[in-house]
């Protein structure tokens, strides 16, 4: 996949995912952009707490993914990452795109109507972490589900920016961990 396609997909996630949620909430609930983005809760403390939570949970995930049981899944992820040939900027950019775009869609849009549990199950399922054919990936799905629930329930307590920061940091740690594993020697 070419770099421009990677950046296009990142941009679509960053901007395209939140648009339907915003338009719906603007039309049905009369939300403005400041309400949608929870700008009143944009503070450093929840962001730092989110970065810390994302880092800790990602470190836990890396340990689990290092197990022999998940060797095939780890190998598949590493091969995919190698094919994409991402540099540090690419990995950070894609992590930010996913953190912002997905959290706006899922936490603010979908969760507003379906609640934290259903939204979490949809989020994890759409990421492919529940499978009838690949039981090993279900282990990862079981691991990631509590993290996504933390984000879902953290929305009310810490706000959207906590969720975005945690999600972004989680992705950054996993990207850099697997980039290191696939780097040429």
N, C-alpha and C. Protein backbone atom coordinates (compact mmCIF):
# COMPACT_ATOMS: atom_id res chain seq x y z
N UNK A 1 0.86 -1.18 0.00
CA UNK A 1 0.00 0.00 0.00
C UNK A 1 0.90 1.23 0.00
N UNK A 2 0.56 2.19 -0.83
CA UNK A 2 1.38 3.39 -0.94
C UNK A 2 1.15 4.32 0.25
N UNK A 3 2.11 5.20 0.47
CA UNK A 3 2.03 6.15 1.59
C UNK A 3 0.81 7.05 1.46
N UNK A 4 0.49 7.49 0.24
CA UNK A 4 -0.65 8.40 0.11
C UNK A 4 -1.95 7.70 0.49
N UNK A 5 -2.06 6.41 0.22
CA UNK A 5 -3.26 5.67 0.63
C UNK A 5 -3.33 5.52 2.14
N UNK A 6 -2.17 5.29 2.75
CA UNK A 6 -2.12 5.19 4.22
C UNK A 6 -2.57 6.51 4.83
N UNK A 7 -2.05 7.62 4.30
CA UNK A 7 -2.43 8.93 4.81
C UNK A 7 -3.90 9.24 4.52
N UNK A 8 -4.38 8.83 3.38
CA UNK A 8 -5.80 9.03 3.05
C UNK A 8 -6.68 8.26 4.03
N UNK A 9 -6.33 7.00 4.31
CA UNK A 9 -7.12 6.22 5.27
C UNK A 9 -7.06 6.84 6.66
N UNK A 10 -5.90 7.33 7.05
CA UNK A 10 -5.79 8.02 8.33
C UNK A 10 -6.67 9.25 8.37
N UNK A 11 -6.63 10.04 7.30
CA UNK A 11 -7.44 11.26 7.24
C UNK A 11 -8.93 10.93 7.25
N UNK A 12 -9.32 9.88 6.55
CA UNK A 12 -10.74 9.46 6.55
C UNK A 12 -11.16 9.08 7.96
N UNK A 13 -10.30 8.37 8.67
CA UNK A 13 -10.61 8.00 10.05
C UNK A 13 -10.72 9.25 10.92
N UNK A 14 -9.77 10.15 10.77
CA UNK A 14 -9.72 11.37 11.59
C UNK A 14 -10.93 12.27 11.36
N UNK A 15 -11.30 12.47 10.11
CA UNK A 15 -12.35 13.42 9.77
C UNK A 15 -13.66 12.74 9.39
N UNK A 16 -13.55 11.68 8.59
CA UNK A 16 -14.75 11.04 8.07
C UNK A 16 -15.56 10.29 9.11
N UNK A 17 -14.90 9.63 10.06
CA UNK A 17 -15.63 8.89 11.09
C UNK A 17 -16.50 9.80 11.96
N UNK A 18 -15.97 10.93 12.42
CA UNK A 18 -16.78 11.77 13.31
C UNK A 18 -17.92 12.53 12.62
N UNK A 19 -17.81 12.76 11.32
CA UNK A 19 -18.81 13.60 10.64
C UNK A 19 -20.24 13.06 10.80
N UNK A 20 -20.51 11.77 10.54
CA UNK A 20 -21.89 11.31 10.72
C UNK A 20 -22.38 11.45 12.16
N UNK A 21 -21.49 11.19 13.11
CA UNK A 21 -21.89 11.33 14.52
C UNK A 21 -22.23 12.79 14.83
N UNK A 22 -21.38 13.70 14.37
CA UNK A 22 -21.65 15.11 14.63
C UNK A 22 -22.93 15.57 13.95
N UNK A 23 -23.09 15.22 12.68
CA UNK A 23 -24.28 15.66 11.95
C UNK A 23 -25.56 15.14 12.62
N UNK A 24 -25.52 13.89 13.04
CA UNK A 24 -26.69 13.31 13.72
C UNK A 24 -26.97 14.03 15.03
N UNK A 25 -25.92 14.18 15.87
CA UNK A 25 -26.12 14.83 17.17
C UNK A 25 -26.47 16.30 17.02
N UNK A 26 -25.97 16.93 15.99
CA UNK A 26 -26.31 18.32 15.73
C UNK A 26 -27.78 18.44 15.33
N UNK A 27 -28.23 17.54 14.46
CA UNK A 27 -29.61 17.57 13.96
C UNK A 27 -30.61 17.12 15.02
N UNK A 28 -30.34 15.97 15.66
CA UNK A 28 -31.31 15.38 16.59
C UNK A 28 -31.24 15.99 17.98
N UNK A 29 -30.02 16.22 18.48
CA UNK A 29 -29.84 16.68 19.86
C UNK A 29 -29.48 18.17 19.94
N UNK A 30 -29.33 18.81 18.78
CA UNK A 30 -28.98 20.23 18.70
C UNK A 30 -27.63 20.55 19.34
N UNK A 31 -26.66 19.63 19.18
CA UNK A 31 -25.32 19.86 19.70
C UNK A 31 -24.55 20.77 18.76
N UNK A 32 -23.75 21.64 19.34
CA UNK A 32 -22.83 22.41 18.51
C UNK A 32 -21.47 21.70 18.52
N UNK A 33 -20.52 22.23 17.77
CA UNK A 33 -19.22 21.58 17.63
C UNK A 33 -18.48 21.56 18.97
N UNK A 34 -18.63 22.60 19.79
CA UNK A 34 -17.95 22.65 21.09
C UNK A 34 -18.47 21.56 22.02
N UNK A 35 -19.76 21.31 21.99
CA UNK A 35 -20.33 20.24 22.80
C UNK A 35 -19.86 18.88 22.29
N UNK A 36 -19.88 18.70 20.99
CA UNK A 36 -19.44 17.45 20.39
C UNK A 36 -17.99 17.14 20.74
N UNK A 37 -17.13 18.13 20.70
CA UNK A 37 -15.71 17.94 21.00
C UNK A 37 -15.39 18.04 22.49
N UNK A 38 -16.39 18.26 23.30
CA UNK A 38 -16.23 18.43 24.75
C UNK A 38 -15.11 19.41 25.07
N UNK A 39 -15.16 20.55 24.42
CA UNK A 39 -14.10 21.54 24.60
C UNK A 39 -14.02 22.07 26.02
N UNK A 40 -15.14 22.04 26.75
CA UNK A 40 -15.12 22.50 28.13
C UNK A 40 -14.31 21.57 29.04
N UNK A 41 -14.08 20.33 28.58
CA UNK A 41 -13.30 19.36 29.35
C UNK A 41 -11.89 19.17 28.79
N UNK A 42 -11.49 20.02 27.88
CA UNK A 42 -10.15 19.92 27.29
C UNK A 42 -9.14 20.50 28.27
N UNK A 43 -8.58 19.61 29.09
CA UNK A 43 -7.62 19.99 30.12
C UNK A 43 -6.43 19.04 30.10
N UNK A 44 -5.32 19.51 30.61
CA UNK A 44 -4.08 18.73 30.58
C UNK A 44 -4.14 17.48 31.44
N UNK A 45 -4.72 17.57 32.61
CA UNK A 45 -4.72 16.44 33.55
C UNK A 45 -5.39 15.18 32.98
N UNK A 46 -6.60 15.26 32.42
CA UNK A 46 -7.20 14.05 31.85
C UNK A 46 -6.40 13.50 30.66
N UNK A 47 -5.79 14.41 29.89
CA UNK A 47 -4.97 13.96 28.75
C UNK A 47 -3.76 13.19 29.25
N UNK A 48 -3.08 13.71 30.26
CA UNK A 48 -1.92 13.02 30.82
C UNK A 48 -2.32 11.68 31.46
N UNK A 49 -3.45 11.68 32.14
CA UNK A 49 -3.94 10.44 32.73
C UNK A 49 -4.28 9.42 31.64
N UNK A 50 -4.86 9.89 30.55
CA UNK A 50 -5.18 9.02 29.42
C UNK A 50 -3.92 8.45 28.79
N UNK A 51 -2.90 9.29 28.61
CA UNK A 51 -1.63 8.80 28.05
C UNK A 51 -1.03 7.72 28.94
N UNK A 52 -1.10 7.93 30.23
CA UNK A 52 -0.57 6.96 31.18
C UNK A 52 -1.38 5.66 31.11
N UNK A 53 -2.69 5.76 31.11
CA UNK A 53 -3.55 4.57 31.06
C UNK A 53 -3.31 3.79 29.76
N UNK A 54 -3.21 4.50 28.65
CA UNK A 54 -2.96 3.84 27.37
C UNK A 54 -1.62 3.14 27.35
N UNK A 55 -0.60 3.77 27.91
CA UNK A 55 0.74 3.17 27.95
C UNK A 55 0.75 1.91 28.81
N UNK A 56 0.15 1.98 29.98
CA UNK A 56 0.13 0.83 30.89
C UNK A 56 -0.63 -0.34 30.26
N UNK A 57 -1.80 -0.06 29.70
CA UNK A 57 -2.58 -1.15 29.10
C UNK A 57 -1.88 -1.72 27.87
N UNK A 58 -1.23 -0.87 27.10
CA UNK A 58 -0.49 -1.35 25.93
C UNK A 58 0.67 -2.24 26.35
N UNK A 59 1.36 -1.87 27.43
CA UNK A 59 2.47 -2.70 27.93
C UNK A 59 1.94 -4.07 28.34
N UNK A 60 0.79 -4.11 28.95
CA UNK A 60 0.14 -5.37 29.32
C UNK A 60 -0.20 -6.18 28.07
N UNK A 61 -0.70 -5.51 27.05
CA UNK A 61 -1.04 -6.18 25.79
C UNK A 61 0.20 -6.75 25.11
N UNK A 62 1.29 -6.00 25.14
CA UNK A 62 2.54 -6.46 24.52
C UNK A 62 3.01 -7.74 25.21
N UNK A 63 2.89 -7.80 26.52
CA UNK A 63 3.28 -9.01 27.25
C UNK A 63 2.41 -10.18 26.81
N UNK A 64 1.12 -9.98 26.73
CA UNK A 64 0.22 -11.06 26.30
C UNK A 64 0.51 -11.47 24.86
N UNK A 65 0.72 -10.49 24.01
CA UNK A 65 0.99 -10.81 22.60
C UNK A 65 2.34 -11.50 22.41
N UNK A 66 3.19 -11.43 23.40
CA UNK A 66 4.49 -12.11 23.33
C UNK A 66 4.38 -13.60 23.65
N UNK A 67 3.22 -14.04 24.09
CA UNK A 67 3.05 -15.45 24.46
C UNK A 67 3.07 -16.34 23.21
N UNK A 68 3.48 -17.58 23.40
CA UNK A 68 3.50 -18.54 22.30
C UNK A 68 2.11 -18.77 21.71
N UNK A 69 1.09 -18.68 22.56
CA UNK A 69 -0.27 -18.92 22.13
C UNK A 69 -0.69 -17.95 21.02
N UNK A 70 -0.17 -16.73 21.08
CA UNK A 70 -0.54 -15.70 20.09
C UNK A 70 0.54 -15.47 19.05
N UNK A 71 1.44 -16.43 18.90
CA UNK A 71 2.56 -16.28 17.97
C UNK A 71 2.07 -16.02 16.54
N UNK A 72 1.08 -16.77 16.08
CA UNK A 72 0.58 -16.58 14.71
C UNK A 72 0.00 -15.19 14.51
N UNK A 73 -0.77 -14.72 15.48
CA UNK A 73 -1.37 -13.40 15.39
C UNK A 73 -0.28 -12.33 15.40
N UNK A 74 0.69 -12.48 16.27
CA UNK A 74 1.81 -11.55 16.34
C UNK A 74 2.57 -11.52 15.01
N UNK A 75 2.78 -12.69 14.43
CA UNK A 75 3.47 -12.78 13.14
C UNK A 75 2.67 -12.09 12.05
N UNK A 76 1.36 -12.31 12.03
CA UNK A 76 0.50 -11.65 11.03
C UNK A 76 0.55 -10.13 11.16
N UNK A 77 0.48 -9.64 12.40
CA UNK A 77 0.54 -8.20 12.62
C UNK A 77 1.89 -7.63 12.18
N UNK A 78 2.96 -8.34 12.51
CA UNK A 78 4.30 -7.89 12.13
C UNK A 78 4.47 -7.87 10.61
N UNK A 79 3.97 -8.88 9.93
CA UNK A 79 4.06 -8.91 8.46
C UNK A 79 3.29 -7.74 7.84
N UNK A 80 2.10 -7.48 8.36
CA UNK A 80 1.30 -6.36 7.86
C UNK A 80 2.04 -5.05 8.07
N UNK A 81 2.60 -4.87 9.23
CA UNK A 81 3.32 -3.64 9.52
C UNK A 81 4.54 -3.49 8.62
N UNK A 82 5.22 -4.58 8.38
CA UNK A 82 6.40 -4.54 7.51
C UNK A 82 6.00 -4.14 6.08
N UNK A 83 4.88 -4.68 5.58
CA UNK A 83 4.41 -4.33 4.24
C UNK A 83 4.07 -2.85 4.13
N UNK A 84 3.57 -2.27 5.21
CA UNK A 84 3.19 -0.87 5.18
C UNK A 84 4.40 0.06 5.21
N UNK A 85 5.53 -0.45 5.70
CA UNK A 85 6.78 0.32 5.72
C UNK A 85 6.59 1.69 6.37
N UNK A 86 6.06 1.68 7.59
CA UNK A 86 5.76 2.92 8.29
C UNK A 86 6.99 3.44 9.02
N UNK A 87 7.16 4.75 8.99
CA UNK A 87 8.21 5.38 9.79
C UNK A 87 7.56 5.91 11.08
N UNK A 88 8.35 6.52 11.94
CA UNK A 88 7.85 7.00 13.23
C UNK A 88 6.72 8.01 13.05
N UNK A 89 6.88 8.95 12.12
CA UNK A 89 5.82 9.93 11.88
C UNK A 89 4.53 9.25 11.45
N UNK A 90 4.63 8.29 10.55
CA UNK A 90 3.45 7.57 10.06
C UNK A 90 2.70 6.90 11.21
N UNK A 91 3.46 6.24 12.09
CA UNK A 91 2.84 5.52 13.20
C UNK A 91 2.15 6.48 14.17
N UNK A 92 2.79 7.60 14.45
CA UNK A 92 2.18 8.59 15.35
C UNK A 92 0.96 9.22 14.69
N UNK A 93 1.07 9.57 13.41
CA UNK A 93 -0.06 10.15 12.67
C UNK A 93 -1.26 9.20 12.67
N UNK A 94 -1.04 7.95 12.33
CA UNK A 94 -2.14 6.98 12.29
C UNK A 94 -2.74 6.75 13.68
N UNK A 95 -1.90 6.76 14.69
CA UNK A 95 -2.39 6.59 16.07
C UNK A 95 -3.28 7.75 16.48
N UNK A 96 -2.87 8.97 16.13
CA UNK A 96 -3.68 10.14 16.44
C UNK A 96 -5.00 10.10 15.66
N UNK A 97 -4.92 9.75 14.39
CA UNK A 97 -6.14 9.65 13.56
C UNK A 97 -7.13 8.67 14.16
N UNK A 98 -6.64 7.49 14.55
CA UNK A 98 -7.52 6.48 15.15
C UNK A 98 -8.03 6.94 16.51
N UNK A 99 -7.16 7.50 17.32
CA UNK A 99 -7.58 7.97 18.64
C UNK A 99 -8.67 9.02 18.57
N UNK A 100 -8.48 10.00 17.72
CA UNK A 100 -9.46 11.09 17.61
C UNK A 100 -10.71 10.62 16.87
N UNK A 101 -10.52 10.09 15.67
CA UNK A 101 -11.68 9.72 14.83
C UNK A 101 -12.56 8.65 15.43
N UNK A 102 -11.94 7.58 15.91
CA UNK A 102 -12.72 6.47 16.47
C UNK A 102 -13.39 6.84 17.77
N UNK A 103 -12.69 7.60 18.62
CA UNK A 103 -13.32 7.98 19.90
C UNK A 103 -14.47 8.95 19.69
N UNK A 104 -14.36 9.86 18.74
CA UNK A 104 -15.49 10.74 18.45
C UNK A 104 -16.68 9.94 17.94
N UNK A 105 -16.42 9.01 17.04
CA UNK A 105 -17.52 8.20 16.51
C UNK A 105 -18.13 7.30 17.58
N UNK A 106 -17.27 6.52 18.25
CA UNK A 106 -17.79 5.53 19.18
C UNK A 106 -18.21 6.12 20.53
N UNK A 107 -17.34 6.89 21.17
CA UNK A 107 -17.66 7.41 22.51
C UNK A 107 -18.75 8.46 22.46
N UNK A 108 -18.59 9.43 21.56
CA UNK A 108 -19.54 10.54 21.54
C UNK A 108 -20.78 10.20 20.73
N UNK A 109 -20.61 9.57 19.58
CA UNK A 109 -21.76 9.28 18.72
C UNK A 109 -22.53 8.04 19.13
N UNK A 110 -21.92 6.89 18.99
CA UNK A 110 -22.64 5.62 19.20
C UNK A 110 -22.96 5.40 20.67
N UNK A 111 -21.99 5.64 21.54
CA UNK A 111 -22.20 5.38 22.97
C UNK A 111 -23.31 6.25 23.56
N UNK A 112 -23.51 7.41 23.01
CA UNK A 112 -24.57 8.30 23.49
C UNK A 112 -25.93 7.61 23.43
N UNK A 113 -26.10 6.75 22.42
CA UNK A 113 -27.39 6.07 22.24
C UNK A 113 -27.38 4.62 22.73
N UNK A 114 -26.26 3.92 22.59
CA UNK A 114 -26.25 2.49 22.90
C UNK A 114 -25.62 2.15 24.25
N UNK A 115 -25.00 3.10 24.88
CA UNK A 115 -24.37 2.86 26.18
C UNK A 115 -22.99 2.24 26.04
N UNK A 116 -22.27 2.16 27.16
CA UNK A 116 -20.87 1.73 27.11
C UNK A 116 -20.66 0.26 26.74
N UNK A 117 -21.49 -0.63 27.23
CA UNK A 117 -21.23 -2.06 27.01
C UNK A 117 -21.47 -2.45 25.56
N UNK A 118 -22.60 -2.10 25.02
CA UNK A 118 -22.91 -2.43 23.62
C UNK A 118 -21.90 -1.76 22.68
N UNK A 119 -21.58 -0.50 22.95
CA UNK A 119 -20.62 0.22 22.12
C UNK A 119 -19.25 -0.46 22.16
N UNK A 120 -18.85 -0.90 23.34
CA UNK A 120 -17.56 -1.61 23.48
C UNK A 120 -17.55 -2.88 22.65
N UNK A 121 -18.60 -3.66 22.74
CA UNK A 121 -18.67 -4.91 21.99
C UNK A 121 -18.64 -4.64 20.48
N UNK A 122 -19.33 -3.61 20.05
CA UNK A 122 -19.31 -3.24 18.62
C UNK A 122 -17.89 -2.81 18.23
N UNK A 123 -17.27 -1.96 19.04
CA UNK A 123 -15.93 -1.46 18.75
C UNK A 123 -14.93 -2.61 18.60
N UNK A 124 -14.91 -3.50 19.57
CA UNK A 124 -13.96 -4.62 19.53
C UNK A 124 -14.29 -5.56 18.38
N UNK A 125 -15.56 -5.81 18.14
CA UNK A 125 -15.97 -6.68 17.04
C UNK A 125 -15.60 -6.12 15.68
N UNK A 126 -15.81 -4.82 15.48
CA UNK A 126 -15.46 -4.20 14.19
C UNK A 126 -13.96 -4.18 13.94
N UNK A 127 -13.18 -4.24 15.00
CA UNK A 127 -11.72 -4.32 14.85
C UNK A 127 -11.26 -5.76 14.59
N UNK A 128 -12.20 -6.70 14.56
CA UNK A 128 -11.87 -8.08 14.20
C UNK A 128 -11.33 -8.93 15.33
N UNK A 129 -11.58 -8.53 16.58
CA UNK A 129 -11.00 -9.25 17.71
C UNK A 129 -11.94 -10.28 18.32
N UNK A 130 -13.04 -10.54 17.66
CA UNK A 130 -13.91 -11.68 18.01
C UNK A 130 -14.01 -12.54 16.77
N UNK A 131 -13.75 -13.82 16.92
CA UNK A 131 -13.73 -14.69 15.74
C UNK A 131 -14.19 -16.09 16.10
N UNK A 132 -14.99 -16.67 15.22
CA UNK A 132 -15.38 -18.07 15.38
C UNK A 132 -14.32 -19.00 14.79
N UNK A 133 -13.49 -18.47 13.90
CA UNK A 133 -12.49 -19.29 13.21
C UNK A 133 -11.12 -19.25 13.88
N UNK A 134 -10.78 -18.14 14.51
CA UNK A 134 -9.45 -17.96 15.07
C UNK A 134 -9.58 -17.72 16.58
N UNK A 135 -9.46 -18.80 17.34
CA UNK A 135 -9.66 -18.69 18.79
C UNK A 135 -8.57 -17.86 19.46
N UNK A 136 -7.39 -17.85 18.91
CA UNK A 136 -6.30 -17.07 19.50
C UNK A 136 -6.64 -15.57 19.49
N UNK A 137 -7.27 -15.12 18.42
CA UNK A 137 -7.61 -13.69 18.35
C UNK A 137 -8.65 -13.34 19.41
N UNK A 138 -9.48 -14.30 19.80
CA UNK A 138 -10.45 -14.06 20.87
C UNK A 138 -9.77 -13.74 22.19
N UNK A 139 -8.61 -14.35 22.41
CA UNK A 139 -7.85 -14.05 23.63
C UNK A 139 -7.48 -12.57 23.64
N UNK A 140 -7.02 -12.09 22.48
CA UNK A 140 -6.70 -10.67 22.39
C UNK A 140 -7.97 -9.84 22.55
N UNK A 141 -9.07 -10.29 21.97
CA UNK A 141 -10.35 -9.59 22.13
C UNK A 141 -10.77 -9.50 23.58
N UNK A 142 -10.55 -10.58 24.32
CA UNK A 142 -10.87 -10.58 25.75
C UNK A 142 -9.94 -9.62 26.50
N UNK A 143 -8.69 -9.54 26.07
CA UNK A 143 -7.75 -8.61 26.69
C UNK A 143 -8.13 -7.16 26.41
N UNK A 144 -8.49 -6.84 25.19
CA UNK A 144 -8.73 -5.45 24.81
C UNK A 144 -10.10 -4.94 25.29
N UNK A 145 -11.05 -5.84 25.49
CA UNK A 145 -12.39 -5.43 25.89
C UNK A 145 -12.39 -4.63 27.20
N UNK A 146 -11.68 -5.05 28.26
CA UNK A 146 -11.67 -4.21 29.47
C UNK A 146 -11.08 -2.82 29.23
N UNK A 147 -10.07 -2.73 28.37
CA UNK A 147 -9.49 -1.41 28.07
C UNK A 147 -10.53 -0.52 27.40
N UNK A 148 -11.25 -1.07 26.45
CA UNK A 148 -12.27 -0.27 25.76
C UNK A 148 -13.40 0.09 26.73
N UNK A 149 -13.71 -0.81 27.67
CA UNK A 149 -14.70 -0.48 28.70
C UNK A 149 -14.19 0.65 29.61
N UNK A 150 -12.89 0.65 29.91
CA UNK A 150 -12.32 1.74 30.69
C UNK A 150 -12.52 3.06 29.96
N UNK A 151 -12.28 3.05 28.66
CA UNK A 151 -12.52 4.26 27.88
C UNK A 151 -14.00 4.64 27.90
N UNK A 152 -14.86 3.65 27.72
CA UNK A 152 -16.30 3.91 27.68
C UNK A 152 -16.80 4.52 28.99
N UNK A 153 -16.40 3.93 30.11
CA UNK A 153 -16.84 4.46 31.40
C UNK A 153 -16.03 5.69 31.81
N UNK A 154 -14.82 5.79 31.31
CA UNK A 154 -13.99 6.97 31.59
C UNK A 154 -14.51 8.23 30.93
N UNK A 155 -15.33 8.07 29.91
CA UNK A 155 -15.88 9.24 29.22
C UNK A 155 -16.63 10.15 30.19
N UNK A 156 -17.49 9.60 31.01
CA UNK A 156 -18.27 10.42 31.95
C UNK A 156 -17.39 11.03 33.04
N UNK A 157 -16.42 10.26 33.50
CA UNK A 157 -15.58 10.72 34.61
C UNK A 157 -14.49 11.67 34.15
N UNK A 158 -13.78 11.30 33.10
CA UNK A 158 -12.58 12.05 32.69
C UNK A 158 -12.77 12.83 31.38
N UNK A 159 -13.76 12.47 30.60
CA UNK A 159 -14.04 13.20 29.38
C UNK A 159 -13.45 12.57 28.13
N UNK A 160 -13.86 13.11 27.03
CA UNK A 160 -13.45 12.64 25.70
C UNK A 160 -11.94 12.66 25.52
N UNK A 161 -11.28 13.69 26.03
CA UNK A 161 -9.84 13.85 25.78
C UNK A 161 -9.01 12.81 26.51
N UNK A 162 -9.51 12.32 27.63
CA UNK A 162 -8.89 11.16 28.28
C UNK A 162 -8.95 9.96 27.34
N UNK A 163 -10.12 9.72 26.76
CA UNK A 163 -10.32 8.57 25.86
C UNK A 163 -9.42 8.67 24.64
N UNK A 164 -9.37 9.85 24.05
CA UNK A 164 -8.53 10.06 22.87
C UNK A 164 -7.06 9.82 23.20
N UNK A 165 -6.61 10.37 24.32
CA UNK A 165 -5.20 10.22 24.70
C UNK A 165 -4.85 8.76 24.99
N UNK A 166 -5.73 8.06 25.70
CA UNK A 166 -5.47 6.65 26.04
C UNK A 166 -5.42 5.80 24.77
N UNK A 167 -6.38 5.99 23.89
CA UNK A 167 -6.44 5.23 22.65
C UNK A 167 -5.20 5.51 21.79
N UNK A 168 -4.85 6.78 21.67
CA UNK A 168 -3.70 7.15 20.86
C UNK A 168 -2.42 6.52 21.41
N UNK A 169 -2.21 6.63 22.71
CA UNK A 169 -0.99 6.08 23.30
C UNK A 169 -0.94 4.56 23.16
N UNK A 170 -2.06 3.90 23.34
CA UNK A 170 -2.13 2.45 23.17
C UNK A 170 -1.65 2.07 21.76
N UNK A 171 -2.18 2.76 20.76
CA UNK A 171 -1.79 2.47 19.38
C UNK A 171 -0.32 2.79 19.12
N UNK A 172 0.17 3.89 19.66
CA UNK A 172 1.58 4.27 19.48
C UNK A 172 2.49 3.17 20.03
N UNK A 173 2.21 2.71 21.23
CA UNK A 173 3.05 1.68 21.86
C UNK A 173 3.04 0.40 21.02
N UNK A 174 1.87 -0.02 20.57
CA UNK A 174 1.81 -1.25 19.77
C UNK A 174 2.51 -1.07 18.43
N UNK A 175 2.30 0.06 17.78
CA UNK A 175 3.00 0.32 16.51
C UNK A 175 4.51 0.24 16.69
N UNK A 176 5.03 0.95 17.67
CA UNK A 176 6.47 1.00 17.85
C UNK A 176 7.04 -0.35 18.31
N UNK A 177 6.27 -1.09 19.09
CA UNK A 177 6.71 -2.42 19.52
C UNK A 177 6.86 -3.33 18.31
N UNK A 178 5.86 -3.32 17.44
CA UNK A 178 5.91 -4.20 16.28
C UNK A 178 6.85 -3.70 15.19
N UNK A 179 7.02 -2.39 15.09
CA UNK A 179 7.99 -1.85 14.15
C UNK A 179 9.39 -2.31 14.53
N UNK A 180 9.65 -2.34 15.81
CA UNK A 180 10.95 -2.79 16.30
C UNK A 180 11.16 -4.27 15.98
N UNK A 181 10.10 -5.05 16.12
CA UNK A 181 10.20 -6.49 15.86
C UNK A 181 10.41 -6.81 14.39
N UNK A 182 9.95 -5.93 13.50
CA UNK A 182 10.06 -6.22 12.08
C UNK A 182 11.18 -5.44 11.40
N UNK A 183 11.87 -4.61 12.17
CA UNK A 183 12.94 -3.82 11.56
C UNK A 183 14.06 -4.73 11.05
N UNK A 184 14.62 -4.39 9.90
CA UNK A 184 15.70 -5.22 9.36
C UNK A 184 16.91 -5.19 10.29
N UNK A 185 17.59 -6.32 10.34
CA UNK A 185 18.76 -6.43 11.22
C UNK A 185 20.02 -6.32 10.44
